[in-house]
Amino acid sequence: MRVLIADDEPGLLRVLSRCLSNWGYEAVVAKDGLEAWRILSDVDPPRVVILDWDMPGLNGVKVCRMLRESEGGDQSYVMLLTARQAHTDLVEALEAGADDFISKPFELRELQLRIAKGVSTRERRNTDRVPPLSQGSGALPAGFTLGGKFRLEKKIAEGGMATVWQALHLSLGINVAVKFMKPEFTKNADYTSFEREARAAAQLRDPHTVRVYDHGLTHDGSPYLVMEFLAGDALWDRVERDGPLTPEATILLVSQVASALDEAHTRGIIHRDVKPENIVLTDDPSGTGAFQAKLVDFGLAHPNWQESAGVSVAGTPMYMTPEHLCGEQPPSPALDIWGLAVTAYMAMTGVRAYAGTSISEIVKAVCAPPPVPSQVQPRIPKGVDAWFARACANEPADRFPTALALAAGFVDAWRDDSMRPERHRNVKAVGTMAPTEPDSSRPAGAAAPSPEKRQQRSPRVLR
């Protein structure tokens, strides 16, 4: 078994190379990240890789990320060596695709055992058998280790097409969320939505976008995603339980989600299903008592929208523009911007802007003049009424051109009102807030909705 060891300290490199030989491995050495990447780019590279984090040229994290993005890169077991100790470094290593993380200084015996574990894990990845998800109820056994890395703990959420499990990353010791497609969709399903979610979200680094760490297929071909584990409530559940958000909280919500959408749109990615159920509110890590919004569920995300020439209808009708709902336009950022505006309406009024018991009723409502927020909540100022009228104007040219323009307009709509939030000046900084630790996913434990509100759940148009 060949093992690549990359470190810019010649003395340590010699010691580790000699140890690898003594332990029965064939040592392949690299003096920096560039040399390591050249070795890993060969036709038959070493499949167990040990990378120093801080190397000149390409650091170990960058090499790991490039390896994971390359063809066949998921077959390698990657360990990062570093003197770093912060928990955020563990998270960064996981995001890059590292399987293990060992802090300097370390005992050689510890390294030997971890390498042996890596060899064993890599072999298991080719032989692991997950109980077929297409049989019976599709329930997975708690305690099962997926891909040799993620131990399933418990099911925490369930949606129309997928279930979400809490899992433990065995090497890094942090909680993650694993999303599986439901059994009834695995037989003849097009798995591109799972692949698309992984590719799209993996590109995004805004602190208000859920992180996707890994993805793959189980032995029987069922797709899964490994994501950040978020401790919080879906916006829909929060409003159902506690009532409409305050003006301050709604401004914070719109600004943060707009920040996430701005990065996605800049990278050519459209979410296509922005709605309260797909926004999770977690505690702000700065300890201010505010929340941090996270945009989740990129299962409908559409990359490279500029190149899209076809017209398809997918999403939640109550949060779609008239032109997209009727299939007149291909997906574009306008769809997400509209969805955020309609989400803000629900957050500050407690009811949906557009509702109906059938698709035809929803289409009729969406194509009518926009509703007036202050008619539902009289405390809402006229400036916000005007903001919503522009955000959801029937003519696309009359709307806000970008997500950030929408958020700025929302701030301005409250500015001259007597209810103007005192913490207004802090809203502009939300896009630079530190991300939360990965310790939850969309929770299933929120208060159950009333029968009346359950009937208002959004119907979906399936492709």
Protein backbone atom coordinates (compact mmCIF):
# COMPACT_ATOMS: atom_id res chain seq x y z
CA MET A 1 0.00 0.00 0.00
CA ARG A 2 1.44 3.35 -1.10
CA VAL A 3 1.03 6.29 1.27
CA LEU A 4 1.69 9.88 0.21
CA ILE A 5 3.21 12.10 2.89
CA ALA A 6 3.52 15.84 2.10
CA ASP A 7 5.29 18.24 4.48
CA ASP A 8 7.63 21.19 3.99
CA GLU A 9 9.74 20.30 7.07
CA PRO A 10 12.60 18.11 5.73
CA GLY A 11 13.39 16.57 9.12
CA LEU A 12 9.79 15.53 9.81
CA LEU A 13 9.43 14.27 6.24
CA ARG A 14 12.48 11.98 6.65
CA VAL A 15 11.22 10.61 9.96
CA LEU A 16 7.73 9.93 8.65
CA SER A 17 9.06 8.36 5.46
CA ARG A 18 11.26 5.98 7.48
CA CYS A 19 8.38 5.13 9.83
CA LEU A 20 6.05 4.35 6.94
CA SER A 21 8.61 1.95 5.51
CA ASN A 22 9.04 0.28 8.91
CA TRP A 23 5.27 -0.12 9.20
CA GLY A 24 5.10 -1.94 5.87
CA TYR A 25 3.94 0.87 3.58
CA GLU A 26 5.56 2.29 0.47
CA ALA A 27 6.26 5.95 1.26
CA VAL A 28 5.74 8.53 -1.49
CA VAL A 29 7.06 11.92 -0.38
CA ALA A 30 6.28 15.49 -1.47
CA LYS A 31 8.12 18.57 -0.21
CA ASP A 32 5.21 20.98 -0.75
CA GLY A 33 1.61 21.18 -1.87
CA LEU A 34 2.40 21.62 -5.57
CA GLU A 35 4.48 18.45 -5.65
CA ALA A 36 1.75 16.61 -3.73
CA TRP A 37 -0.85 17.71 -6.26
CA ARG A 38 1.34 16.57 -9.18
CA ILE A 39 1.61 13.11 -7.58
CA LEU A 40 -2.13 12.95 -6.90
CA SER A 41 -2.86 13.95 -10.49
CA ASP A 42 -1.10 10.84 -11.85
CA VAL A 43 -3.07 7.99 -13.38
CA ASP A 44 -2.56 5.73 -10.33
CA PRO A 45 -1.98 7.97 -7.29
CA PRO A 46 -1.54 6.80 -3.69
CA ARG A 47 -4.92 6.27 -2.07
CA VAL A 48 -3.88 7.08 1.50
CA VAL A 49 -2.75 10.70 1.75
CA ILE A 50 -1.18 12.60 4.67
CA LEU A 51 -0.97 16.36 4.11
CA ASP A 52 0.57 19.07 6.25
CA TRP A 53 -1.93 21.89 6.59
CA ASP A 54 0.49 24.85 6.29
CA MET A 55 2.67 24.32 3.23
CA PRO A 56 3.93 26.95 0.77
CA GLY A 57 2.29 27.15 -2.63
CA LEU A 58 -0.76 24.97 -2.09
CA ASN A 59 -1.62 24.26 1.54
CA GLY A 60 -2.95 20.88 2.62
CA VAL A 61 -6.57 22.04 2.76
CA LYS A 62 -6.42 23.32 -0.80
CA VAL A 63 -4.81 20.10 -2.05
CA CYS A 64 -7.51 18.09 -0.27
CA ARG A 65 -10.28 20.17 -1.81
CA MET A 66 -8.76 19.86 -5.30
CA LEU A 67 -8.42 16.10 -4.85
CA ARG A 68 -12.05 15.72 -3.83
CA GLU A 69 -13.17 17.71 -6.86
CA SER A 70 -11.11 15.59 -9.27
CA GLU A 71 -12.28 12.40 -10.95
CA GLY A 72 -11.79 9.46 -8.59
CA GLY A 73 -10.75 11.77 -5.76
CA ASP A 74 -13.40 10.34 -3.47
CA GLN A 75 -11.49 7.04 -3.42
CA SER A 76 -8.64 8.47 -1.34
CA TYR A 77 -8.38 8.59 2.45
CA VAL A 78 -7.00 11.99 3.46
CA MET A 79 -5.47 12.95 6.81
CA LEU A 80 -4.40 16.51 7.66
CA LEU A 81 -1.47 17.25 9.97
CA THR A 82 -1.49 20.60 11.74
CA ALA A 83 -0.50 22.50 14.85
CA ARG A 84 -3.93 24.16 14.83
CA GLN A 85 -6.27 23.36 17.69
CA ALA A 86 -9.41 25.46 17.13
CA HIS A 87 -12.75 23.74 16.53
CA THR A 88 -13.23 25.95 13.47
CA ASP A 89 -10.16 24.28 11.96
CA LEU A 90 -11.86 20.91 12.35
CA VAL A 91 -14.84 22.29 10.48
CA GLU A 92 -12.64 23.68 7.70
CA ALA A 93 -10.90 20.31 7.35
CA LEU A 94 -14.27 18.58 7.06
CA GLU A 95 -15.49 21.06 4.48
CA ALA A 96 -12.38 20.39 2.41
CA GLY A 97 -13.17 16.67 2.44
CA ALA A 98 -10.61 15.42 4.99
CA ASP A 99 -11.27 12.05 6.59
CA ASP A 100 -9.09 12.63 9.63
CA PHE A 101 -7.27 15.42 11.46
CA ILE A 102 -4.24 15.00 13.73
CA SER A 103 -2.66 17.81 15.75
CA LYS A 104 1.06 18.35 16.11
CA PRO A 105 2.93 17.33 18.16
CA PHE A 106 1.73 13.73 17.94
CA GLU A 107 2.94 10.30 18.97
CA LEU A 108 4.18 8.08 16.12
CA ARG A 109 2.10 5.22 17.50
CA GLU A 110 -1.02 7.38 17.18
CA LEU A 111 -0.15 8.14 13.56
CA GLN A 112 0.46 4.45 12.84
CA LEU A 113 -2.95 3.51 14.23
CA ARG A 114 -4.69 6.27 12.31
CA ILE A 115 -3.05 5.22 9.05
CA ALA A 116 -4.12 1.63 9.70
CA LYS A 117 -7.64 2.92 10.29
CA GLY A 118 -7.48 4.86 7.03
CA VAL A 119 -6.42 1.76 5.07
CA SER A 120 -9.22 -0.25 6.66
CA THR A 121 -11.77 2.51 6.04
CA ARG A 122 -10.83 2.81 2.38
CA GLU A 123 -11.26 -0.94 1.94
CA ARG A 124 -14.64 -0.86 3.68
CA ARG A 125 -15.85 1.87 1.36
CA ASN A 126 -15.75 -0.65 -1.45
CA THR A 127 -17.54 -3.37 0.53
CA ASP A 128 -19.99 -1.58 2.85
CA ARG A 129 -23.56 -2.76 2.35
CA VAL A 130 -26.29 -0.39 3.47
CA PRO A 131 -29.66 -2.09 4.06
CA PRO A 132 -31.49 -1.39 0.77
CA LEU A 133 -33.50 1.79 1.16
CA SER A 134 -35.97 0.64 -1.45
CA GLN A 135 -37.22 -2.22 0.72
CA GLY A 136 -39.82 -2.01 3.44
CA SER A 137 -40.03 1.31 5.26
CA GLY A 138 -36.54 2.33 4.24
CA ALA A 139 -35.54 2.77 7.89
CA LEU A 140 -31.80 2.71 8.52
CA PRO A 141 -30.36 1.19 11.67
CA ALA A 142 -29.08 3.65 14.26
CA GLY A 143 -25.41 2.95 14.78
CA PHE A 144 -24.69 2.03 11.15
CA THR A 145 -21.49 3.62 9.84
CA LEU A 146 -21.87 5.12 6.38
CA GLY A 147 -18.81 5.16 4.15
CA GLY A 148 -16.61 4.30 7.10
CA LYS A 149 -16.93 7.87 8.40
CA PHE A 150 -20.44 8.80 9.52
CA ARG A 151 -22.24 6.89 12.30
CA LEU A 152 -25.99 7.32 12.04
CA GLU A 153 -27.56 8.35 15.36
CA LYS A 154 -31.25 9.09 14.77
CA LYS A 155 -33.74 10.37 12.20
CA ILE A 156 -34.44 14.04 12.88
CA ALA A 157 -36.51 15.28 9.92
CA GLU A 158 -38.62 14.08 7.04
CA GLY A 159 -39.74 15.86 3.89
CA GLY A 160 -41.64 14.99 0.74
CA MET A 161 -38.76 13.22 -0.97
CA ALA A 162 -36.11 12.71 1.71
CA THR A 163 -35.33 11.92 5.33
CA VAL A 164 -32.56 13.52 7.39
CA TRP A 165 -30.48 11.74 10.00
CA GLN A 166 -28.22 13.09 12.69
CA ALA A 167 -24.82 11.43 12.41
CA LEU A 168 -21.41 11.66 14.03
CA HIS A 169 -18.25 12.19 12.00
CA LEU A 170 -16.11 9.56 13.70
CA SER A 171 -12.71 11.11 12.99
CA LEU A 172 -13.53 14.76 13.66
CA GLY A 173 -16.01 14.17 16.46
CA ILE A 174 -18.66 16.62 15.26
CA ASN A 175 -22.33 16.21 14.42
CA VAL A 176 -23.44 16.30 10.81
CA ALA A 177 -26.75 15.72 9.03
CA VAL A 178 -27.16 13.01 6.39
CA LYS A 179 -29.98 13.33 3.89
CA PHE A 180 -31.35 10.20 2.17
CA MET A 181 -33.85 9.99 -0.67
CA LYS A 182 -37.05 8.22 0.40
CA PRO A 183 -37.52 4.59 -0.72
CA GLU A 184 -40.46 5.31 -3.03
CA PHE A 185 -38.27 7.65 -5.06
CA THR A 186 -35.18 5.45 -5.37
CA LYS A 187 -36.34 2.91 -7.98
CA ASN A 188 -36.86 5.14 -10.99
CA ALA A 189 -35.68 8.47 -9.61
CA ASP A 190 -33.42 10.84 -11.46
CA TYR A 191 -30.63 11.33 -8.92
CA THR A 192 -29.48 14.57 -10.49
CA SER A 193 -31.31 16.67 -7.87
CA PHE A 194 -29.12 15.23 -5.10
CA GLU A 195 -25.99 15.66 -7.21
CA ARG A 196 -27.08 19.17 -8.12
CA GLU A 197 -27.63 20.11 -4.47
CA ALA A 198 -24.16 18.87 -3.55
CA ARG A 199 -22.40 20.64 -6.41
CA ALA A 200 -24.31 23.88 -5.94
CA ALA A 201 -24.07 24.22 -2.17
CA ALA A 202 -20.44 23.08 -2.07
CA GLN A 203 -19.50 26.18 -4.06
CA LEU A 204 -21.11 28.55 -1.58
CA ARG A 205 -19.36 30.02 1.46
CA ASP A 206 -21.81 32.67 2.68
CA PRO A 207 -22.51 32.13 6.40
CA HIS A 208 -26.23 32.12 5.66
CA THR A 209 -26.09 29.13 3.31
CA VAL A 210 -26.12 25.62 4.79
CA ARG A 211 -22.79 23.85 4.21
CA VAL A 212 -22.69 20.61 2.23
CA TYR A 213 -19.64 18.53 3.19
CA ASP A 214 -19.92 15.27 1.26
CA HIS A 215 -22.19 13.20 -0.95
CA GLY A 216 -22.32 9.79 -2.53
CA LEU A 217 -24.32 6.65 -3.20
CA THR A 218 -24.99 3.78 -0.83
CA HIS A 219 -24.22 0.26 -2.03
CA ASP A 220 -27.69 -0.16 -3.50
CA GLY A 221 -27.45 3.14 -5.37
CA SER A 222 -29.42 5.36 -2.99
CA PRO A 223 -27.99 8.91 -2.91
CA TYR A 224 -27.07 10.75 0.26
CA LEU A 225 -25.76 14.18 1.24
CA VAL A 226 -23.72 15.05 4.33
CA MET A 227 -24.52 18.56 5.54
CA GLU A 228 -24.05 21.03 8.35
CA PHE A 229 -26.15 20.15 11.38
CA LEU A 230 -28.23 23.19 12.37
CA ALA A 231 -29.71 23.71 15.82
CA GLY A 232 -32.81 25.79 15.21
CA ASP A 233 -36.33 26.11 13.81
CA ALA A 234 -37.58 26.45 10.27
CA LEU A 235 -38.95 29.97 9.80
CA TRP A 236 -42.41 28.56 9.09
CA ASP A 237 -42.42 26.66 12.40
CA ARG A 238 -41.10 29.67 14.33
CA VAL A 239 -43.87 31.95 13.03
CA GLU A 240 -46.53 29.28 13.56
CA ARG A 241 -45.45 28.88 17.18
CA ASP A 242 -44.55 32.44 18.19
CA GLY A 243 -46.43 34.63 15.73
CA PRO A 244 -45.05 37.20 13.25
CA LEU A 245 -41.47 38.40 13.60
CA THR A 246 -40.70 41.88 14.90
CA PRO A 247 -39.62 44.55 12.40
CA GLU A 248 -36.01 44.18 13.60
CA ALA A 249 -36.09 40.41 13.15
CA THR A 250 -37.71 40.62 9.71
CA ILE A 251 -35.08 43.09 8.52
CA LEU A 252 -32.37 40.76 9.82
CA LEU A 253 -33.99 37.81 8.06
CA VAL A 254 -34.31 39.54 4.68
CA SER A 255 -30.77 40.94 4.83
CA GLN A 256 -29.19 37.60 5.70
CA VAL A 257 -31.04 35.53 3.11
CA ALA A 258 -30.37 38.23 0.51
CA SER A 259 -26.66 37.88 1.31
CA ALA A 260 -26.85 34.12 0.66
CA LEU A 261 -28.77 34.61 -2.59
CA ASP A 262 -26.40 37.31 -3.80
CA GLU A 263 -23.44 34.92 -3.59
CA ALA A 264 -25.40 32.15 -5.26
CA HIS A 265 -26.56 34.38 -8.11
CA THR A 266 -23.05 35.78 -8.57
CA ARG A 267 -21.86 32.19 -9.05
CA GLY A 268 -24.64 31.47 -11.52
CA ILE A 269 -26.75 29.38 -9.12
CA ILE A 270 -30.49 29.73 -8.55
CA HIS A 271 -32.08 28.15 -5.48
CA ARG A 272 -35.56 27.99 -7.08
CA ASP A 273 -37.45 27.19 -3.86
CA VAL A 274 -36.98 30.08 -1.43
CA LYS A 275 -39.73 29.82 1.18
CA PRO A 276 -40.15 29.82 5.00
CA GLU A 277 -39.79 26.04 5.19
CA ASN A 278 -36.33 26.29 3.60
CA ILE A 279 -34.92 28.90 5.99
CA VAL A 280 -33.65 27.71 9.39
CA LEU A 281 -33.16 30.17 12.26
CA THR A 282 -30.23 29.27 14.52
CA ASP A 283 -28.72 31.11 17.47
CA ASP A 284 -26.29 33.85 16.50
CA PRO A 285 -22.80 32.62 17.51
CA SER A 286 -21.82 36.16 18.53
CA GLY A 287 -24.05 35.79 21.60
CA THR A 288 -26.20 38.86 20.91
CA GLY A 289 -29.44 36.93 21.36
CA ALA A 290 -30.40 37.42 17.71
CA PHE A 291 -30.79 34.60 15.22
CA GLN A 292 -28.76 33.60 12.20
CA ALA A 293 -30.77 32.57 9.15
CA LYS A 294 -29.57 29.64 7.02
CA LEU A 295 -30.89 28.94 3.52
CA VAL A 296 -31.23 25.16 3.09
CA ASP A 297 -32.50 22.55 0.61
CA PHE A 298 -30.70 23.18 -2.65
CA GLY A 299 -32.43 20.12 -4.15
CA LEU A 300 -33.92 22.27 -6.93
CA ALA A 301 -30.86 24.51 -7.32
CA HIS A 302 -30.13 25.32 -10.95
CA PRO A 303 -26.46 26.02 -11.80
CA ASN A 304 -25.36 28.12 -14.77
CA TRP A 305 -28.69 29.87 -15.21
CA GLN A 306 -27.18 32.20 -17.80
CA GLU A 307 -26.74 29.21 -20.11
CA SER A 308 -30.18 27.72 -19.52
CA ALA A 309 -32.34 27.97 -22.62
CA GLY A 310 -35.16 25.59 -21.64
CA VAL A 311 -38.27 26.38 -19.65
CA SER A 312 -39.18 24.11 -16.73
CA VAL A 313 -41.61 24.51 -13.86
CA ALA A 314 -40.37 23.32 -10.47
CA GLY A 315 -40.71 24.77 -7.00
CA THR A 316 -43.51 25.82 -4.68
CA PRO A 317 -46.31 27.65 -6.52
CA MET A 318 -47.11 30.07 -3.66
CA TYR A 319 -43.55 31.43 -3.89
CA MET A 320 -43.12 31.59 -7.67
CA THR A 321 -43.37 34.55 -10.03
CA PRO A 322 -46.26 34.64 -12.51
CA GLU A 323 -43.94 34.12 -15.49
CA HIS A 324 -42.18 31.14 -13.91
CA LEU A 325 -45.37 29.63 -12.54
CA CYS A 326 -46.90 29.72 -16.01
CA GLY A 327 -43.76 28.32 -17.62
CA GLU A 328 -43.18 31.43 -19.71
CA GLN A 329 -39.58 32.05 -18.56
CA PRO A 330 -36.62 29.81 -17.70
CA PRO A 331 -35.34 29.90 -14.11
CA SER A 332 -33.54 33.13 -13.21
CA PRO A 333 -32.56 35.08 -10.06
CA ALA A 334 -35.94 36.84 -10.26
CA LEU A 335 -37.53 33.62 -9.00
CA ASP A 336 -35.46 33.66 -5.79
CA ILE A 337 -35.91 37.40 -5.23
CA TRP A 338 -39.68 37.03 -5.51
CA GLY A 339 -39.60 34.05 -3.13
CA LEU A 340 -37.69 36.09 -0.53
CA ALA A 341 -40.21 38.94 -0.75
CA VAL A 342 -43.16 36.56 -0.30
CA THR A 343 -41.29 34.91 2.59
CA ALA A 344 -40.84 38.33 4.23
CA TYR A 345 -44.60 38.93 3.86
CA MET A 346 -45.32 35.71 5.75
CA ALA A 347 -42.68 36.52 8.41
CA MET A 348 -44.14 39.94 9.25
CA THR A 349 -47.85 39.12 8.88
CA GLY A 350 -48.05 35.47 9.94
CA VAL A 351 -50.01 34.44 6.82
CA ARG A 352 -49.10 33.52 3.26
CA ALA A 353 -49.31 36.25 0.65
CA TYR A 354 -50.70 33.84 -1.94
CA ALA A 355 -52.86 30.85 -1.04
CA GLY A 356 -55.39 28.52 -2.56
CA THR A 357 -56.77 25.01 -2.35
CA SER A 358 -55.78 24.18 -5.93
CA ILE A 359 -53.05 25.09 -8.38
CA SER A 360 -55.52 27.11 -10.48
CA GLU A 361 -56.51 29.19 -7.43
CA ILE A 362 -52.85 29.85 -6.58
CA VAL A 363 -52.05 30.87 -10.16
CA LYS A 364 -55.01 33.27 -10.14
CA ALA A 365 -53.85 34.81 -6.85
CA VAL A 366 -50.22 35.17 -7.96
CA CYS A 367 -51.23 36.84 -11.23
CA ALA A 368 -53.51 39.34 -9.44
CA PRO A 369 -52.26 42.64 -7.95
CA PRO A 370 -50.09 42.03 -4.87
CA PRO A 371 -51.80 41.91 -1.46
CA VAL A 372 -51.21 44.75 1.02
CA PRO A 373 -49.31 43.75 4.21
CA SER A 374 -50.81 46.52 6.38
CA GLN A 375 -54.30 45.19 5.72
CA VAL A 376 -53.27 42.07 7.65
CA GLN A 377 -51.06 43.77 10.26
CA PRO A 378 -52.01 47.46 10.71
CA ARG A 379 -48.68 48.14 12.48
CA ILE A 380 -46.86 47.71 9.17
CA PRO A 381 -46.10 51.14 7.62
CA LYS A 382 -47.19 52.23 4.15
CA GLY A 383 -43.58 52.24 3.01
CA VAL A 384 -43.48 48.47 3.45
CA ASP A 385 -46.73 48.17 1.48
CA ALA A 386 -45.05 50.03 -1.37
CA TRP A 387 -41.94 47.86 -1.04
CA PHE A 388 -43.98 44.65 -1.38
CA ALA A 389 -45.98 46.08 -4.29
CA ARG A 390 -42.72 46.66 -6.15
CA ALA A 391 -41.14 43.36 -5.10
CA CYS A 392 -44.13 41.39 -6.41
CA ALA A 393 -45.14 43.58 -9.33
CA ASN A 394 -46.67 41.63 -12.21
CA GLU A 395 -44.18 43.08 -14.68
CA PRO A 396 -40.64 41.79 -14.09
CA ALA A 397 -39.10 45.14 -15.14
CA ASP A 398 -40.92 46.89 -12.28
CA ARG A 399 -39.33 44.72 -9.54
CA PHE A 400 -36.05 44.97 -7.62
CA PRO A 401 -33.19 43.88 -9.88
CA THR A 402 -31.13 42.00 -7.27
CA ALA A 403 -31.50 40.35 -3.86
CA LEU A 404 -29.34 43.03 -2.24
CA ALA A 405 -31.49 45.78 -3.80
CA LEU A 406 -34.56 44.05 -2.38
CA ALA A 407 -32.99 43.99 1.11
CA ALA A 408 -31.85 47.61 0.90
CA GLY A 409 -35.34 48.64 -0.17
CA PHE A 410 -36.81 46.79 2.78
CA VAL A 411 -34.51 48.63 5.19
CA ASP A 412 -35.47 51.96 3.61
CA ALA A 413 -39.18 51.10 3.86
CA TRP A 414 -38.92 51.03 7.67
CA ARG A 415 -36.42 53.87 8.03
CA ASP A 416 -38.79 56.84 8.23
CA ASP A 417 -41.43 55.04 10.25
CA SER A 418 -41.89 55.63 13.95
CA MET A 419 -41.39 51.88 14.47
CA ARG A 420 -37.91 52.03 12.96
CA PRO A 421 -35.70 49.42 14.73
CA GLU A 422 -33.06 50.94 17.00
CA ARG A 423 -30.47 48.34 15.86
CA HIS A 424 -30.98 49.33 12.24
CA ARG A 425 -27.36 50.30 11.73
CA ASN A 426 -26.17 46.74 12.47
CA VAL A 427 -28.18 45.13 9.69
CA LYS A 428 -25.66 45.98 6.97
CA ALA A 429 -23.02 43.87 8.66
CA VAL A 430 -24.95 40.61 8.75
CA GLY A 431 -23.30 39.28 5.61
CA THR A 432 -19.96 39.07 7.39
CA MET A 433 -21.10 37.28 10.54
CA ALA A 434 -19.19 34.14 11.49
CA PRO A 435 -20.83 30.83 10.51
CA THR A 436 -22.27 28.57 13.15
CA GLU A 437 -20.72 25.27 14.13
CA PRO A 438 -22.19 22.30 12.31
CA ASP A 439 -24.47 20.97 14.96
CA SER A 440 -27.93 20.53 13.44
CA SER A 441 -30.12 20.05 10.43
CA ARG A 442 -33.69 21.02 9.74
CA PRO A 443 -35.30 19.79 12.96
CA ALA A 444 -38.39 17.67 13.24
CA GLY A 445 -39.16 18.58 16.84
CA ALA A 446 -40.98 21.87 16.34
CA ALA A 447 -44.57 22.21 17.52
CA ALA A 448 -47.01 20.43 15.23
CA PRO A 449 -49.09 22.78 13.05
CA SER A 450 -52.81 23.09 13.58
CA PRO A 451 -55.10 21.23 11.14
CA GLU A 452 -56.06 24.54 9.54
CA LYS A 453 -52.47 25.58 8.95
CA ARG A 454 -51.46 22.10 7.89
CA GLN A 455 -53.88 22.48 4.99
CA GLN A 456 -51.98 25.61 3.95
CA ARG A 457 -48.75 23.68 3.37
CA SER A 458 -47.35 24.47 -0.05
CA PRO A 459 -48.22 22.11 -2.92
CA ARG A 460 -45.29 21.40 -5.24
CA VAL A 461 -45.15 21.23 -9.01
CA LEU A 462 -43.12 18.13 -9.86
CA ARG A 463 -40.95 17.95 -12.93
